[in-house]
PDB file of N, CA and C in Angstrom:
ATOM      1  N   MET A   1     -12.412   8.211  -7.084  1.00  0.00           N
ATOM      2  CA  MET A   1     -12.225   8.327  -5.656  1.00  0.00           C
ATOM      3  C   MET A   1     -10.967   9.140  -5.401  1.00  0.00           C
ATOM      4  N   PRO A   2     -11.041  10.173  -4.564  1.00  0.00           N
ATOM      5  CA  PRO A   2      -9.845  10.962  -4.237  1.00  0.00           C
ATOM      6  C   PRO A   2      -8.793  10.100  -3.555  1.00  0.00           C
ATOM      7  N   VAL A   3      -7.538  10.459  -3.746  1.00  0.00           N
ATOM      8  CA  VAL A   3      -6.435   9.680  -3.185  1.00  0.00           C
ATOM      9  C   VAL A   3      -6.560   9.568  -1.674  1.00  0.00           C
ATOM     10  N   SER A   4      -6.978  10.638  -0.992  1.00  0.00           N
ATOM     11  CA  SER A   4      -7.091  10.574   0.467  1.00  0.00           C
ATOM     12  C   SER A   4      -8.097   9.509   0.898  1.00  0.00           C
ATOM     13  N   GLU A   5      -9.188   9.355   0.136  1.00  0.00           N
ATOM     14  CA  GLU A   5     -10.166   8.307   0.441  1.00  0.00           C
ATOM     15  C   GLU A   5      -9.596   6.942   0.113  1.00  0.00           C
ATOM     16  N   LEU A   6      -8.853   6.821  -0.981  1.00  0.00           N
ATOM     17  CA  LEU A   6      -8.224   5.553  -1.343  1.00  0.00           C
ATOM     18  C   LEU A   6      -7.264   5.121  -0.241  1.00  0.00           C
ATOM     19  N   HIS A   7      -6.449   6.055   0.235  1.00  0.00           N
ATOM     20  CA  HIS A   7      -5.487   5.749   1.282  1.00  0.00           C
ATOM     21  C   HIS A   7      -6.201   5.213   2.518  1.00  0.00           C
ATOM     22  N   THR A   8      -7.251   5.862   2.937  1.00  0.00           N
ATOM     23  CA  THR A   8      -7.994   5.432   4.120  1.00  0.00           C
ATOM     24  C   THR A   8      -8.668   4.092   3.882  1.00  0.00           C
ATOM     25  N   THR A   9      -9.277   3.920   2.733  1.00  0.00           N
ATOM     26  CA  THR A   9      -9.978   2.689   2.405  1.00  0.00           C
ATOM     27  C   THR A   9      -9.013   1.521   2.302  1.00  0.00           C
ATOM     28  N   GLU A  10      -7.913   1.709   1.634  1.00  0.00           N
ATOM     29  CA  GLU A  10      -6.965   0.629   1.400  1.00  0.00           C
ATOM     30  C   GLU A  10      -6.159   0.271   2.637  1.00  0.00           C
ATOM     31  N   LEU A  11      -6.092   1.153   3.619  1.00  0.00           N
ATOM     32  CA  LEU A  11      -5.328   0.876   4.823  1.00  0.00           C
ATOM     33  C   LEU A  11      -5.763  -0.423   5.475  1.00  0.00           C
ATOM     34  N   ALA A  12      -7.049  -0.648   5.567  1.00  0.00           N
ATOM     35  CA  ALA A  12      -7.555  -1.860   6.208  1.00  0.00           C
ATOM     36  C   ALA A  12      -7.227  -3.111   5.404  1.00  0.00           C
ATOM     37  N   ASP A  13      -7.151  -2.986   4.093  1.00  0.00           N
ATOM     38  CA  ASP A  13      -6.936  -4.142   3.230  1.00  0.00           C
ATOM     39  C   ASP A  13      -5.467  -4.524   3.050  1.00  0.00           C
ATOM     40  N   HIS A  14      -4.559  -3.575   3.180  1.00  0.00           N
ATOM     41  CA  HIS A  14      -3.171  -3.840   2.830  1.00  0.00           C
ATOM     42  C   HIS A  14      -2.173  -3.528   3.928  1.00  0.00           C
ATOM     43  N   SER A  15      -2.657  -3.515   5.165  1.00  0.00           N
ATOM     44  CA  SER A  15      -1.746  -3.340   6.286  1.00  0.00           C
ATOM     45  C   SER A  15      -2.171  -4.258   7.421  1.00  0.00           C
ATOM     46  N   ASP A  16      -1.252  -4.502   8.333  1.00  0.00           N
ATOM     47  CA  ASP A  16      -1.608  -5.310   9.499  1.00  0.00           C
ATOM     48  C   ASP A  16      -2.054  -4.387  10.636  1.00  0.00           C
ATOM     49  N   SER A  17      -2.325  -4.943  11.781  1.00  0.00           N
ATOM     50  CA  SER A  17      -2.845  -4.146  12.896  1.00  0.00           C
ATOM     51  C   SER A  17      -1.835  -3.105  13.388  1.00  0.00           C
ATOM     52  N   ALA A  18      -0.558  -3.297  13.101  1.00  0.00           N
ATOM     53  CA  ALA A  18       0.467  -2.334  13.497  1.00  0.00           C
ATOM     54  C   ALA A  18       0.681  -1.261  12.439  1.00  0.00           C
ATOM     55  N   GLY A  19      -0.009  -1.370  11.294  1.00  0.00           N
ATOM     56  CA  GLY A  19       0.118  -0.377  10.239  1.00  0.00           C
ATOM     57  C   GLY A  19       1.218  -0.670   9.238  1.00  0.00           C
ATOM     58  N   ALA A  20       1.772  -1.878   9.261  1.00  0.00           N
ATOM     59  CA  ALA A  20       2.808  -2.252   8.305  1.00  0.00           C
ATOM     60  C   ALA A  20       2.161  -2.643   6.981  1.00  0.00           C
ATOM     61  N   CYS A  21       2.785  -2.275   5.893  1.00  0.00           N
ATOM     62  CA  CYS A  21       2.277  -2.637   4.569  1.00  0.00           C
ATOM     63  C   CYS A  21       2.441  -4.140   4.364  1.00  0.00           C
ATOM     64  N   ALA A  22       1.445  -4.752   3.764  1.00  0.00           N
ATOM     65  CA  ALA A  22       1.485  -6.187   3.507  1.00  0.00           C
ATOM     66  C   ALA A  22       2.342  -6.532   2.290  1.00  0.00           C
ATOM     67  N   VAL A  23       2.781  -5.528   1.541  1.00  0.00           N
ATOM     68  CA  VAL A  23       3.506  -5.751   0.291  1.00  0.00           C
ATOM     69  C   VAL A  23       4.979  -5.390   0.395  1.00  0.00           C
ATOM     70  N   CYS A  24       5.286  -4.277   1.028  1.00  0.00           N
ATOM     71  CA  CYS A  24       6.675  -3.814   1.098  1.00  0.00           C
ATOM     72  C   CYS A  24       7.079  -3.592   2.556  1.00  0.00           C
ATOM     73  N   PRO A  25       8.348  -3.322   2.815  1.00  0.00           N
ATOM     74  CA  PRO A  25       8.811  -3.190   4.192  1.00  0.00           C
ATOM     75  C   PRO A  25       8.509  -1.842   4.847  1.00  0.00           C
ATOM     76  N   HIS A  26       7.820  -0.956   4.155  1.00  0.00           N
ATOM     77  CA  HIS A  26       7.566   0.373   4.699  1.00  0.00           C
ATOM     78  C   HIS A  26       6.230   0.450   5.438  1.00  0.00           C
ATOM     79  N   PRO A  27       6.160   1.254   6.504  1.00  0.00           N
ATOM     80  CA  PRO A  27       4.881   1.439   7.198  1.00  0.00           C
ATOM     81  C   PRO A  27       3.859   2.047   6.236  1.00  0.00           C
ATOM     82  N   TRP A  28       2.608   1.619   6.342  1.00  0.00           N
ATOM     83  CA  TRP A  28       1.577   2.080   5.418  1.00  0.00           C
ATOM     84  C   TRP A  28       1.422   3.600   5.457  1.00  0.00           C
ATOM     85  N   HIS A  29       1.527   4.198   6.640  1.00  0.00           N
ATOM     86  CA  HIS A  29       1.317   5.639   6.756  1.00  0.00           C
ATOM     87  C   HIS A  29       2.401   6.457   6.055  1.00  0.00           C
ATOM     88  N   GLU A  30       3.509   5.854   5.688  1.00  0.00           N
ATOM     89  CA  GLU A  30       4.579   6.559   4.984  1.00  0.00           C
ATOM     90  C   GLU A  30       4.429   6.501   3.464  1.00  0.00           C
ATOM     91  N   HIS A  31       3.424   5.796   2.952  1.00  0.00           N
ATOM     92  CA  HIS A  31       3.215   5.708   1.510  1.00  0.00           C
ATOM     93  C   HIS A  31       2.677   7.027   0.961  1.00  0.00           C
ATOM     94  N   ASP A  32       3.252   7.477  -0.143  1.00  0.00           N
ATOM     95  CA  ASP A  32       2.703   8.625  -0.856  1.00  0.00           C
ATOM     96  C   ASP A  32       1.622   8.095  -1.799  1.00  0.00           C
ATOM     97  N   PRO A  33       0.909   8.952  -2.500  1.00  0.00           N
ATOM     98  CA  PRO A  33      -0.167   8.464  -3.378  1.00  0.00           C
ATOM     99  C   PRO A  33       0.291   7.414  -4.402  1.00  0.00           C
ATOM    100  N   LEU A  34       1.486   7.572  -4.958  1.00  0.00           N
ATOM    101  CA  LEU A  34       1.985   6.584  -5.919  1.00  0.00           C
ATOM    102  C   LEU A  34       2.283   5.259  -5.228  1.00  0.00           C
ATOM    103  N   GLY A  35       2.848   5.315  -4.036  1.00  0.00           N
ATOM    104  CA  GLY A  35       3.115   4.100  -3.268  1.00  0.00           C
ATOM    105  C   GLY A  35       1.838   3.361  -2.901  1.00  0.00           C
ATOM    106  N   VAL A  36       0.791   4.123  -2.557  1.00  0.00           N
ATOM    107  CA  VAL A  36      -0.513   3.522  -2.258  1.00  0.00           C
ATOM    108  C   VAL A  36      -1.019   2.756  -3.479  1.00  0.00           C
ATOM    109  N   ARG A  37      -0.973   3.385  -4.642  1.00  0.00           N
ATOM    110  CA  ARG A  37      -1.448   2.722  -5.870  1.00  0.00           C
ATOM    111  C   ARG A  37      -0.613   1.496  -6.197  1.00  0.00           C
ATOM    112  N   TYR A  38       0.709   1.610  -6.081  1.00  0.00           N
ATOM    113  CA  TYR A  38       1.612   0.521  -6.420  1.00  0.00           C
ATOM    114  C   TYR A  38       1.390  -0.686  -5.510  1.00  0.00           C
ATOM    115  N   CYS A  39       1.374  -0.451  -4.209  1.00  0.00           N
ATOM    116  CA  CYS A  39       1.214  -1.564  -3.273  1.00  0.00           C
ATOM    117  C   CYS A  39      -0.188  -2.152  -3.332  1.00  0.00           C
ATOM    118  N   THR A  40      -1.180  -1.318  -3.570  1.00  0.00           N
ATOM    119  CA  THR A  40      -2.543  -1.809  -3.714  1.00  0.00           C
ATOM    120  C   THR A  40      -2.650  -2.712  -4.938  1.00  0.00           C
ATOM    121  N   ALA A  41      -2.088  -2.283  -6.068  1.00  0.00           N
ATOM    122  CA  ALA A  41      -2.116  -3.092  -7.295  1.00  0.00           C
ATOM    123  C   ALA A  41      -1.305  -4.370  -7.124  1.00  0.00           C
ATOM    124  N   THR A  42      -0.172  -4.282  -6.443  1.00  0.00           N
ATOM    125  CA  THR A  42       0.662  -5.456  -6.207  1.00  0.00           C
ATOM    126  C   THR A  42      -0.098  -6.502  -5.400  1.00  0.00           C
ATOM    127  N   ALA A  43      -0.765  -6.062  -4.342  1.00  0.00           N
ATOM    128  CA  ALA A  43      -1.527  -6.990  -3.500  1.00  0.00           C
ATOM    129  C   ALA A  43      -2.734  -7.550  -4.251  1.00  0.00           C
ATOM    130  N   ALA A  44      -3.448  -6.691  -4.969  1.00  0.00           N
ATOM    131  CA  ALA A  44      -4.661  -7.123  -5.679  1.00  0.00           C
ATOM    132  C   ALA A  44      -4.347  -8.147  -6.774  1.00  0.00           C
ATOM    133  N   SER A  45      -3.172  -7.999  -7.375  1.00  0.00           N
ATOM    134  CA  SER A  45      -2.778  -8.894  -8.465  1.00  0.00           C
ATOM    135  C   SER A  45      -1.924 -10.057  -7.981  1.00  0.00           C
ATOM    136  N   ALA A  46      -1.655 -10.124  -6.693  1.00  0.00           N
ATOM    137  CA  ALA A  46      -0.814 -11.163  -6.096  1.00  0.00           C
ATOM    138  C   ALA A  46       0.533 -11.255  -6.813  1.00  0.00           C
ATOM    139  N   LEU A  47       1.127 -10.082  -7.081  1.00  0.00           N
ATOM    140  CA  LEU A  47       2.412 -10.021  -7.758  1.00  0.00           C
ATOM    141  C   LEU A  47       3.552 -10.096  -6.751  1.00  0.00           C
ATOM    142  N   SER A  48       4.670 -10.559  -7.220  1.00  0.00           N
ATOM    143  CA  SER A  48       5.886 -10.584  -6.415  1.00  0.00           C
ATOM    144  C   SER A  48       6.867  -9.660  -7.105  1.00  0.00           C
ATOM    145  N   ARG A  49       6.908  -8.427  -6.632  1.00  0.00           N
ATOM    146  CA  ARG A  49       7.812  -7.471  -7.238  1.00  0.00           C
ATOM    147  C   ARG A  49       8.404  -6.580  -6.151  1.00  0.00           C
ATOM    148  N   GLY A  50       9.506  -5.948  -6.453  1.00  0.00           N
ATOM    149  CA  GLY A  50      10.194  -5.124  -5.475  1.00  0.00           C
ATOM    150  C   GLY A  50       9.428  -3.858  -5.138  1.00  0.00           C
ATOM    151  N   CYS A  51       9.926  -3.185  -4.169  1.00  0.00           N
ATOM    152  CA  CYS A  51       9.335  -1.930  -3.712  1.00  0.00           C
ATOM    153  C   CYS A  51       9.505  -0.858  -4.774  1.00  0.00           C
ATOM    154  N   ILE A  52       8.546   0.037  -4.849  1.00  0.00           N
ATOM    155  CA  ILE A  52       8.613   1.143  -5.804  1.00  0.00           C
ATOM    156  C   ILE A  52       9.730   2.125  -5.447  1.00  0.00           C
ATOM    157  N   CYS A  53      10.182   2.101  -4.217  1.00  0.00           N
ATOM    158  CA  CYS A  53      11.232   3.025  -3.768  1.00  0.00           C
ATOM    159  C   CYS A  53      12.605   2.690  -4.332  1.00  0.00           C
ATOM    160  N   ARG A  54      12.785   1.504  -4.854  1.00  0.00           N
ATOM    161  CA  ARG A  54      14.108   1.118  -5.361  1.00  0.00           C
ATOM    162  C   ARG A  54      14.452   1.825  -6.629  1.00  0.00           C
TER     163      ARG A  54
END
């Protein structure tokens, strides 16, 4: 699946109605492809880890 499709698909699963990421403090629309993968994996695995931006 192309990253652009992943980003669109995962938006509904890992953000709230305001577009905030459910995993980190950054808005979902500001995630780059690596951030999308990181936060998606973090949520899917129910991990408690810091933001990839650190």
